[in-house]
């Protein structure tokens, strides 16, 4: 009769500050790549005369707006909010334009 050594069940590690920072860094890293790829896609659409450039360009303006809103939340300086609102309006306008004209 064989006796198997049972390993104790692995305990799930407690989420600490390092894990939280790694998650934030991963999201920032992913966002930077998404922005770069969206820029390339926008250029490709413009070169191919595809109207989707309006939609992809709107994504870039939304991203810029939300980055500025976050900075406004951290620094509470009005220019971040004002420029963020301006970029958001451009993003919305481009998205609506793309939605209506294709």
Protein backbone atom coordinates (compact mmCIF):
# COMPACT_ATOMS: atom_id res chain seq x y z
CA UNK A 1 0.00 0.00 0.00
CA UNK A 2 1.44 3.33 -1.12
CA UNK A 3 1.10 6.38 0.98
CA UNK A 4 1.02 9.56 -1.05
CA UNK A 5 2.28 12.75 0.42
CA UNK A 6 -0.47 15.22 0.00
CA UNK A 7 0.67 18.74 -0.44
CA UNK A 8 -1.25 21.31 1.53
CA UNK A 9 -3.58 23.35 -0.65
CA UNK A 10 -1.97 26.47 -2.00
CA UNK A 11 -3.21 29.52 -0.27
CA UNK A 12 -4.13 32.39 -2.46
CA UNK A 13 -1.67 35.18 -1.82
CA UNK A 14 -2.99 38.37 -0.41
CA UNK A 15 -3.05 41.20 -2.89
CA UNK A 16 -0.52 43.78 -1.81
CA UNK A 17 0.65 47.18 -3.01
CA UNK A 18 3.11 45.59 -5.43
CA UNK A 19 0.32 43.63 -7.14
CA UNK A 20 -1.78 46.77 -7.40
CA UNK A 21 1.13 48.69 -8.95
CA UNK A 22 1.81 45.86 -11.41
CA UNK A 23 -1.86 45.91 -12.48
CA UNK A 24 -1.74 49.67 -13.02
CA UNK A 25 1.53 49.41 -14.96
CA UNK A 26 0.09 46.64 -17.14
CA UNK A 27 -2.93 48.77 -18.01
CA UNK A 28 -0.72 51.74 -18.86
CA UNK A 29 1.51 49.52 -21.01
CA UNK A 30 -1.49 48.08 -22.83
CA UNK A 31 -2.98 51.54 -23.37
CA UNK A 32 0.28 52.83 -24.85
CA UNK A 33 0.30 49.95 -27.35
CA UNK A 34 -3.37 50.47 -28.19
CA UNK A 35 -2.70 54.14 -28.88
CA UNK A 36 0.25 53.30 -31.13
CA UNK A 37 -1.71 50.66 -33.05
CA UNK A 38 -4.70 52.99 -33.40
CA UNK A 39 -2.42 55.65 -34.87
CA UNK A 40 -1.08 53.16 -37.42
CA UNK A 41 -4.62 52.01 -38.24
CA UNK A 42 -5.76 55.62 -38.68
CA UNK A 43 -2.90 56.30 -41.11
CA UNK A 44 -3.67 53.11 -43.04
CA UNK A 45 -7.33 54.09 -43.35
CA UNK A 46 -6.42 57.57 -44.58
CA UNK A 47 -3.96 56.16 -47.14
CA UNK A 48 -6.51 53.63 -48.38
CA UNK A 49 -9.21 56.31 -48.46
CA UNK A 50 -11.31 54.32 -46.00
CA UNK A 51 -13.72 56.46 -43.98
CA UNK A 52 -12.98 54.45 -40.83
CA UNK A 53 -10.20 56.94 -40.09
CA UNK A 54 -12.85 59.15 -38.47
CA UNK A 55 -13.73 56.44 -35.98
CA UNK A 56 -10.15 55.49 -35.17
CA UNK A 57 -9.14 59.13 -34.82
CA UNK A 58 -12.03 59.67 -32.43
CA UNK A 59 -10.63 56.86 -30.24
CA UNK A 60 -7.33 58.74 -29.99
CA UNK A 61 -9.12 61.93 -28.94
CA UNK A 62 -11.14 60.00 -26.34
CA UNK A 63 -7.92 58.51 -24.97
CA UNK A 64 -6.24 61.92 -24.77
CA UNK A 65 -9.31 63.40 -23.05
CA UNK A 66 -9.44 60.69 -20.39
CA UNK A 67 -5.70 60.98 -19.72
CA UNK A 68 -6.19 64.71 -19.16
CA UNK A 69 -9.23 64.12 -16.94
CA UNK A 70 -7.15 61.79 -14.78
CA UNK A 71 -4.39 64.40 -14.53
CA UNK A 72 -6.99 67.02 -13.59
CA UNK A 73 -8.24 64.72 -10.83
CA UNK A 74 -4.69 64.37 -9.50
CA UNK A 75 -3.43 67.95 -9.91
CA UNK A 76 -6.74 69.90 -9.86
CA UNK A 77 -5.41 72.36 -12.44
CA UNK A 78 -8.08 73.75 -14.77
CA UNK A 79 -6.13 73.56 -18.06
CA UNK A 80 -6.15 69.75 -17.85
CA UNK A 81 -9.93 69.78 -17.55
CA UNK A 82 -10.47 72.41 -20.23
CA UNK A 83 -8.27 70.73 -22.83
CA UNK A 84 -9.75 67.36 -21.86
CA UNK A 85 -13.27 68.63 -22.53
CA UNK A 86 -12.10 70.07 -25.87
CA UNK A 87 -10.56 66.73 -26.91
CA UNK A 88 -13.67 64.88 -25.73
CA UNK A 89 -15.89 67.09 -27.87
CA UNK A 90 -13.66 66.50 -30.89
CA UNK A 91 -13.82 62.74 -30.24
CA UNK A 92 -17.61 62.81 -29.98
CA UNK A 93 -17.92 64.92 -33.13
CA UNK A 94 -15.69 62.54 -35.10
CA UNK A 95 -17.58 59.52 -33.82
CA UNK A 96 -20.96 61.03 -34.73
CA UNK A 97 -19.61 62.07 -38.15
CA UNK A 98 -18.35 58.55 -38.74
CA UNK A 99 -21.63 57.08 -37.55
CA UNK A 100 -23.68 59.23 -39.88
CA UNK A 101 -21.51 59.11 -42.98
CA UNK A 102 -19.75 55.77 -42.61
